[in-house]
Amino acid sequence: MRDVSQNKGDSVKVVRLLLRINGQEYDAYGVLEDNGDYLAFEVEKIVPRERRMTYKSKSCY
């Protein structure tokens, strides 16, 4: 990722966004900039999101 310390006066954060495209989930890593008038997101890389295994507990009556 690029060095965000070179920006002067802008509010800059390195972030991860969840993208959902055609039912598939991806993590987009990049830089979010807020200059007061608008937000800009510059994507550095996109990787497929690993599915987390979740199990529903079953109760017996």
N, C-alpha and C. Protein backbone atom coordinates (compact mmCIF):
# COMPACT_ATOMS: atom_id res chain seq x y z
N MET A 1 0.84 -1.18 0.00
CA MET A 1 0.00 0.00 0.00
C MET A 1 0.88 1.24 0.00
N ARG A 2 0.33 2.31 -0.51
CA ARG A 2 1.12 3.53 -0.61
C ARG A 2 1.28 4.21 0.75
N ASP A 3 2.25 5.07 0.83
CA ASP A 3 2.52 5.80 2.06
C ASP A 3 1.52 6.94 2.19
N VAL A 4 0.61 6.84 3.16
CA VAL A 4 -0.43 7.86 3.30
C VAL A 4 0.06 9.07 4.08
N SER A 5 1.26 9.03 4.59
CA SER A 5 1.78 10.15 5.38
C SER A 5 2.16 11.35 4.51
N GLN A 6 2.19 11.18 3.18
CA GLN A 6 2.59 12.26 2.29
C GLN A 6 1.45 13.23 2.00
N ASN A 7 0.21 12.86 2.32
CA ASN A 7 -0.92 13.77 2.08
C ASN A 7 -0.89 14.90 3.10
N LYS A 8 -1.17 16.10 2.64
CA LYS A 8 -1.10 17.27 3.51
C LYS A 8 -2.50 17.79 3.77
N GLY A 9 -2.95 17.74 5.04
CA GLY A 9 -4.22 18.32 5.42
C GLY A 9 -5.44 17.45 5.18
N ASP A 10 -5.34 16.42 4.38
CA ASP A 10 -6.49 15.55 4.12
C ASP A 10 -6.63 14.53 5.24
N SER A 11 -7.85 14.11 5.47
CA SER A 11 -8.09 13.03 6.41
C SER A 11 -8.00 11.72 5.62
N VAL A 12 -6.99 10.89 5.93
CA VAL A 12 -6.70 9.69 5.15
C VAL A 12 -6.66 8.49 6.07
N LYS A 13 -7.33 7.40 5.66
CA LYS A 13 -7.32 6.17 6.44
C LYS A 13 -7.16 4.98 5.50
N VAL A 14 -6.42 3.98 5.97
CA VAL A 14 -6.32 2.71 5.25
C VAL A 14 -7.47 1.85 5.74
N VAL A 15 -8.30 1.35 4.83
CA VAL A 15 -9.52 0.64 5.22
C VAL A 15 -9.70 -0.65 4.42
N ARG A 16 -10.63 -1.48 4.92
CA ARG A 16 -11.05 -2.69 4.21
C ARG A 16 -12.56 -2.58 4.03
N LEU A 17 -13.01 -2.76 2.81
CA LEU A 17 -14.44 -2.72 2.51
C LEU A 17 -14.90 -4.10 2.06
N LEU A 18 -16.12 -4.45 2.40
CA LEU A 18 -16.72 -5.70 1.93
C LEU A 18 -17.47 -5.40 0.64
N LEU A 19 -17.13 -6.10 -0.43
CA LEU A 19 -17.83 -5.97 -1.71
C LEU A 19 -18.63 -7.24 -1.95
N ARG A 20 -19.84 -7.09 -2.41
CA ARG A 20 -20.66 -8.24 -2.79
C ARG A 20 -21.06 -8.05 -4.24
N ILE A 21 -20.50 -8.91 -5.12
CA ILE A 21 -20.74 -8.81 -6.56
C ILE A 21 -21.29 -10.13 -7.05
N ASN A 22 -22.52 -10.10 -7.57
CA ASN A 22 -23.19 -11.31 -8.07
C ASN A 22 -23.17 -12.45 -7.06
N GLY A 23 -23.40 -12.12 -5.79
CA GLY A 23 -23.45 -13.14 -4.75
C GLY A 23 -22.10 -13.55 -4.18
N GLN A 24 -21.02 -13.11 -4.79
CA GLN A 24 -19.68 -13.43 -4.29
C GLN A 24 -19.19 -12.28 -3.42
N GLU A 25 -18.47 -12.60 -2.34
CA GLU A 25 -17.96 -11.58 -1.43
C GLU A 25 -16.45 -11.42 -1.59
N TYR A 26 -16.01 -10.17 -1.55
CA TYR A 26 -14.60 -9.82 -1.68
C TYR A 26 -14.24 -8.79 -0.63
N ASP A 27 -12.97 -8.79 -0.21
CA ASP A 27 -12.45 -7.73 0.64
C ASP A 27 -11.64 -6.80 -0.26
N ALA A 28 -11.97 -5.51 -0.21
CA ALA A 28 -11.22 -4.51 -0.97
C ALA A 28 -10.40 -3.70 0.02
N TYR A 29 -9.09 -3.71 -0.15
CA TYR A 29 -8.19 -2.95 0.71
C TYR A 29 -7.75 -1.71 -0.04
N GLY A 30 -7.75 -0.58 0.65
CA GLY A 30 -7.34 0.63 -0.03
C GLY A 30 -7.28 1.82 0.91
N VAL A 31 -7.25 3.01 0.32
CA VAL A 31 -7.10 4.25 1.05
C VAL A 31 -8.37 5.08 0.88
N LEU A 32 -8.94 5.49 2.01
CA LEU A 32 -10.13 6.33 2.01
C LEU A 32 -9.71 7.75 2.36
N GLU A 33 -10.04 8.70 1.46
CA GLU A 33 -9.66 10.09 1.67
C GLU A 33 -10.92 10.94 1.81
N ASP A 34 -10.90 11.84 2.79
CA ASP A 34 -11.99 12.79 3.00
C ASP A 34 -11.41 14.19 2.91
N ASN A 35 -11.72 14.90 1.82
CA ASN A 35 -11.18 16.26 1.69
C ASN A 35 -12.20 17.32 2.07
N GLY A 36 -13.34 16.90 2.64
CA GLY A 36 -14.35 17.85 3.06
C GLY A 36 -15.52 17.95 2.10
N ASP A 37 -15.25 17.85 0.80
CA ASP A 37 -16.31 17.93 -0.20
C ASP A 37 -16.83 16.56 -0.61
N TYR A 38 -15.97 15.56 -0.60
CA TYR A 38 -16.36 14.22 -1.02
C TYR A 38 -15.42 13.18 -0.41
N LEU A 39 -15.85 11.92 -0.46
CA LEU A 39 -15.00 10.80 -0.06
C LEU A 39 -14.47 10.12 -1.32
N ALA A 40 -13.23 9.72 -1.29
CA ALA A 40 -12.63 9.00 -2.41
C ALA A 40 -12.00 7.72 -1.86
N PHE A 41 -12.22 6.60 -2.54
CA PHE A 41 -11.62 5.33 -2.15
C PHE A 41 -10.76 4.83 -3.28
N GLU A 42 -9.47 4.70 -3.02
CA GLU A 42 -8.54 4.18 -4.01
C GLU A 42 -8.21 2.74 -3.65
N VAL A 43 -8.60 1.82 -4.51
CA VAL A 43 -8.42 0.39 -4.25
C VAL A 43 -6.97 0.00 -4.51
N GLU A 44 -6.37 -0.66 -3.54
CA GLU A 44 -5.01 -1.18 -3.68
C GLU A 44 -5.03 -2.65 -4.12
N LYS A 45 -5.96 -3.44 -3.52
CA LYS A 45 -6.09 -4.84 -3.93
C LYS A 45 -7.46 -5.36 -3.52
N ILE A 46 -7.93 -6.36 -4.27
CA ILE A 46 -9.20 -7.03 -3.99
C ILE A 46 -8.92 -8.52 -3.88
N VAL A 47 -9.37 -9.14 -2.79
CA VAL A 47 -9.16 -10.57 -2.59
C VAL A 47 -10.49 -11.24 -2.26
N PRO A 48 -10.69 -12.48 -2.71
CA PRO A 48 -11.93 -13.19 -2.36
C PRO A 48 -12.04 -13.35 -0.85
N ARG A 49 -13.23 -13.15 -0.33
CA ARG A 49 -13.47 -13.27 1.11
C ARG A 49 -13.69 -14.73 1.43
N GLU A 50 -12.99 -15.22 2.47
CA GLU A 50 -13.16 -16.60 2.89
C GLU A 50 -14.46 -16.72 3.66
N ARG A 51 -15.19 -17.74 3.34
CA ARG A 51 -16.46 -17.97 4.05
C ARG A 51 -16.17 -18.48 5.44
N ARG A 52 -16.84 -17.91 6.40
CA ARG A 52 -16.69 -18.36 7.77
C ARG A 52 -17.75 -19.42 8.04
N MET A 53 -17.32 -20.52 8.58
CA MET A 53 -18.25 -21.61 8.85
C MET A 53 -19.07 -21.28 10.08
N THR A 54 -20.36 -21.32 9.94
CA THR A 54 -21.24 -21.08 11.09
C THR A 54 -22.16 -22.27 11.23
N TYR A 55 -22.37 -22.67 12.43
CA TYR A 55 -23.23 -23.82 12.71
C TYR A 55 -24.37 -23.37 13.60
N LYS A 56 -25.57 -23.78 13.25
CA LYS A 56 -26.73 -23.49 14.09
C LYS A 56 -26.86 -24.61 15.11
N SER A 57 -27.08 -24.22 16.33
CA SER A 57 -27.24 -25.24 17.36
C SER A 57 -28.66 -25.81 17.28
N LYS A 58 -28.75 -27.10 17.44
CA LYS A 58 -30.04 -27.76 17.42
C LYS A 58 -30.39 -28.19 18.84
N SER A 59 -31.58 -27.87 19.26
CA SER A 59 -31.98 -28.30 20.58
C SER A 59 -32.99 -29.44 20.48
N CYS A 60 -32.87 -30.34 21.39
CA CYS A 60 -33.77 -31.50 21.42
C CYS A 60 -34.85 -31.25 22.47
N TYR A 61 -36.07 -31.58 22.13
CA TYR A 61 -37.20 -31.39 23.07
C TYR A 61 -37.64 -32.72 23.62
